[in-house]
């Protein structure tokens, strides 16, 4: 699943998300990095911790968040769906004024 968040300034939106997580404003999310140093957003409750993590890909007019996981631990489709939904929730609640629309593929 991919969440595409369309905005005039994708880099700025990405920085806002990172800041809110790093400042502790999004209490059930943290930032992890993979072996390549790329950011992954982790939903920290035990049930979801490190199972399926949205990874941002910054494009010219949007950020695409793709669900990733550690090596051979691919989560089932239900888990991917729950994490996608929870990440969409934080986008809608905390960042609604910073994008024009979302698309889920």
Protein backbone atom coordinates (compact mmCIF):
# COMPACT_ATOMS: atom_id res chain seq x y z
CA UNK A 1 0.00 0.00 0.00
CA UNK A 2 1.12 3.51 -0.79
CA UNK A 3 -0.14 6.78 0.66
CA UNK A 4 0.49 9.73 -1.65
CA UNK A 5 0.22 13.09 0.12
CA UNK A 6 0.07 15.94 -2.39
CA UNK A 7 1.53 19.26 -1.30
CA UNK A 8 3.31 22.31 -2.71
CA UNK A 9 6.28 21.63 -0.45
CA UNK A 10 6.87 17.90 0.21
CA UNK A 11 10.22 18.48 1.95
CA UNK A 12 8.64 20.89 4.43
CA UNK A 13 5.78 18.48 5.20
CA UNK A 14 8.29 15.68 5.76
CA UNK A 15 10.30 17.91 8.11
CA UNK A 16 7.13 18.77 10.06
CA UNK A 17 6.29 15.10 10.50
CA UNK A 18 9.83 14.33 11.69
CA UNK A 19 9.76 17.26 14.11
CA UNK A 20 6.43 16.26 15.66
CA UNK A 21 7.68 12.72 16.17
CA UNK A 22 11.08 13.83 17.54
CA UNK A 23 9.42 16.38 19.86
CA UNK A 24 7.17 13.64 21.30
CA UNK A 25 3.95 15.23 20.01
CA UNK A 26 3.02 11.97 18.29
CA UNK A 27 3.43 9.77 21.35
CA UNK A 28 2.88 6.38 19.67
CA UNK A 29 5.27 6.95 16.76
CA UNK A 30 9.02 7.03 16.54
CA UNK A 31 11.64 7.21 13.81
CA UNK A 32 13.86 4.26 13.00
CA UNK A 33 16.52 4.00 10.33
CA UNK A 34 17.22 1.05 8.09
CA UNK A 35 20.68 -0.21 7.09
CA UNK A 36 20.88 2.53 4.46
CA UNK A 37 20.14 5.28 6.98
CA UNK A 38 16.68 5.88 5.53
CA UNK A 39 13.83 6.95 7.80
CA UNK A 40 11.03 4.56 8.70
CA UNK A 41 8.03 5.61 10.82
CA UNK A 42 7.33 3.05 13.53
CA UNK A 43 4.02 2.72 15.39
CA UNK A 44 5.27 1.82 18.87
CA UNK A 45 2.43 -0.05 20.65
CA UNK A 46 3.56 -3.66 21.22
CA UNK A 47 0.98 -5.02 18.77
CA UNK A 48 2.45 -3.00 15.87
CA UNK A 49 6.03 -2.21 16.91
CA UNK A 50 8.46 -2.71 14.00
CA UNK A 51 6.00 -4.85 12.02
CA UNK A 52 5.07 -2.51 9.13
CA UNK A 53 6.63 0.93 8.81
CA UNK A 54 5.77 3.76 6.42
CA UNK A 55 8.86 5.01 4.59
CA UNK A 56 8.71 8.46 2.97
CA UNK A 57 9.75 9.00 -0.64
CA UNK A 58 9.82 12.71 -1.47
CA UNK A 59 8.72 13.61 -4.99
CA UNK A 60 8.27 17.02 -6.63
CA UNK A 61 4.56 17.37 -5.78
CA UNK A 62 3.93 14.76 -3.08
CA UNK A 63 5.36 12.39 -0.50
CA UNK A 64 4.74 8.71 -1.14
CA UNK A 65 4.69 6.62 2.05
CA UNK A 66 5.31 2.96 1.28
CA UNK A 67 5.00 0.22 3.87
CA UNK A 68 8.31 -1.49 4.60
CA UNK A 69 9.47 -4.19 7.03
CA UNK A 70 12.66 -5.82 8.23
CA UNK A 71 14.18 -8.35 5.81
CA UNK A 72 12.11 -11.54 5.69
CA UNK A 73 9.45 -10.48 8.20
CA UNK A 74 6.81 -9.32 5.69
CA UNK A 75 3.59 -8.59 7.60
CA UNK A 76 0.21 -9.84 6.44
CA UNK A 77 -2.11 -7.56 4.47
CA UNK A 78 -4.26 -6.82 7.53
CA UNK A 79 -1.26 -5.48 9.47
CA UNK A 80 -0.20 -3.37 6.49
CA UNK A 81 -3.76 -2.02 6.33
CA UNK A 82 -3.92 -1.16 10.03
CA UNK A 83 -0.60 0.70 9.94
CA UNK A 84 -1.57 2.52 6.75
CA UNK A 85 -4.82 3.61 8.42
CA UNK A 86 -3.11 4.78 11.57
CA UNK A 87 -0.57 6.77 9.58
CA UNK A 88 -3.34 8.37 7.52
CA UNK A 89 -4.98 9.29 10.83
CA UNK A 90 -1.95 11.31 11.98
CA UNK A 91 -1.73 13.01 8.59
CA UNK A 92 -5.41 14.01 8.76
CA UNK A 93 -5.35 15.11 12.41
CA UNK A 94 -1.96 16.81 12.66
CA UNK A 95 -1.02 17.90 9.13
CA UNK A 96 -4.30 18.53 7.29
CA UNK A 97 -3.39 22.16 6.58
CA UNK A 98 -0.12 21.13 4.92
CA UNK A 99 -1.38 19.06 2.00
CA UNK A 100 -4.13 19.36 -0.59
CA UNK A 101 -5.24 15.73 -0.79
CA UNK A 102 -4.31 12.10 -0.14
CA UNK A 103 -4.39 9.15 -2.46
CA UNK A 104 -4.14 5.54 -1.30
CA UNK A 105 -3.02 2.86 -3.76
